[in-house]
C-alpha cells in the first residue's frame, strides 16, 4: 500500500506523490486532471504548513521524541 499523495506532498516527496496520484486515478502523470488535483494538494499542504508556523510557532521544532516527553 503506497503512502497517500497528500502525505507524500506534505513531506516533500512531490514526484512520488504525483506518481501515486496518477496511479490511483489510472491516468498519466501529465494528464490535466492530475495536474489540477496535484496543484490543489500542494496548495493545501502549503496553507497548512504556513498556518501551523504562524499560529503555533512553538510546535515547529518538536519531534516525536520531545512530544512524548510532554
Protein backbone atom coordinates (compact mmCIF):
# COMPACT_ATOMS: atom_id res chain seq x y z
CA UNK A 1 0.00 0.00 0.00
CA UNK A 2 1.62 3.30 -1.05
CA UNK A 3 1.63 6.43 1.08
CA UNK A 4 -1.15 8.87 0.19
CA UNK A 5 -0.35 11.68 -2.26
CA UNK A 6 -1.23 14.20 0.47
CA UNK A 7 1.15 12.65 2.98
CA UNK A 8 3.92 12.44 0.39
CA UNK A 9 3.42 16.07 -0.63
CA UNK A 10 3.39 17.25 2.97
CA UNK A 11 6.74 15.51 3.47
CA UNK A 12 8.38 16.99 0.37
CA UNK A 13 8.14 13.90 -1.84
CA UNK A 14 6.49 15.66 -4.79
CA UNK A 15 7.45 13.33 -7.64
CA UNK A 16 6.38 10.24 -5.73
CA UNK A 17 3.11 11.96 -4.79
CA UNK A 18 2.35 12.76 -8.42
CA UNK A 19 3.18 9.20 -9.48
CA UNK A 20 0.95 7.67 -6.79
CA UNK A 21 -1.89 10.07 -7.59
CA UNK A 22 -1.73 9.23 -11.30
CA UNK A 23 -1.66 5.53 -10.50
CA UNK A 24 -4.69 5.84 -8.19
CA UNK A 25 -6.64 7.70 -10.87
CA UNK A 26 -5.48 5.47 -13.72
CA UNK A 27 -4.18 8.46 -15.67
CA UNK A 28 -0.78 9.63 -16.90
CA UNK A 29 1.27 11.91 -14.66
CA UNK A 30 0.95 14.78 -17.12
CA UNK A 31 -2.83 14.45 -17.55
CA UNK A 32 -4.71 17.72 -16.99
CA UNK A 33 -6.81 16.30 -14.13
CA UNK A 34 -3.70 15.03 -12.34
CA UNK A 35 -2.06 18.45 -12.73
CA UNK A 36 -5.13 20.14 -11.26
CA UNK A 37 -5.57 17.77 -8.32
CA UNK A 38 -1.84 17.79 -7.56
CA UNK A 39 -1.82 21.62 -7.55
CA UNK A 40 -4.73 21.58 -5.09
CA UNK A 41 -2.91 19.10 -2.83
CA UNK A 42 0.26 21.21 -2.88
CA UNK A 43 -1.69 24.40 -2.12
CA UNK A 44 -3.46 22.78 0.82
CA UNK A 45 -0.18 21.42 2.21
CA UNK A 46 1.47 24.83 1.91
CA UNK A 47 -1.50 26.51 3.59
CA UNK A 48 -1.42 24.02 6.47
CA UNK A 49 2.33 24.45 6.98
CA UNK A 50 2.10 28.25 6.94
CA UNK A 51 -0.91 28.26 9.26
CA UNK A 52 0.87 25.99 11.71
CA UNK A 53 4.00 28.14 11.62
CA UNK A 54 2.02 31.35 12.21
CA UNK A 55 -0.46 30.09 14.80
CA UNK A 56 1.69 27.59 16.68
CA UNK A 57 5.35 28.59 16.27
CA UNK A 58 6.30 26.72 19.44
CA UNK A 59 5.38 23.43 17.72
CA UNK A 60 7.76 23.87 14.79
CA UNK A 61 10.82 22.32 16.41
CA UNK A 62 9.10 19.42 18.16
CA UNK A 63 9.99 15.89 17.21
CA UNK A 64 8.05 12.79 18.24
CA UNK A 65 10.63 12.23 20.97
CA UNK A 66 10.11 15.65 22.51
CA UNK A 67 6.31 15.36 22.13
CA UNK A 68 6.38 12.08 24.04
CA UNK A 69 8.13 13.83 26.94
CA UNK A 70 5.35 16.45 27.25
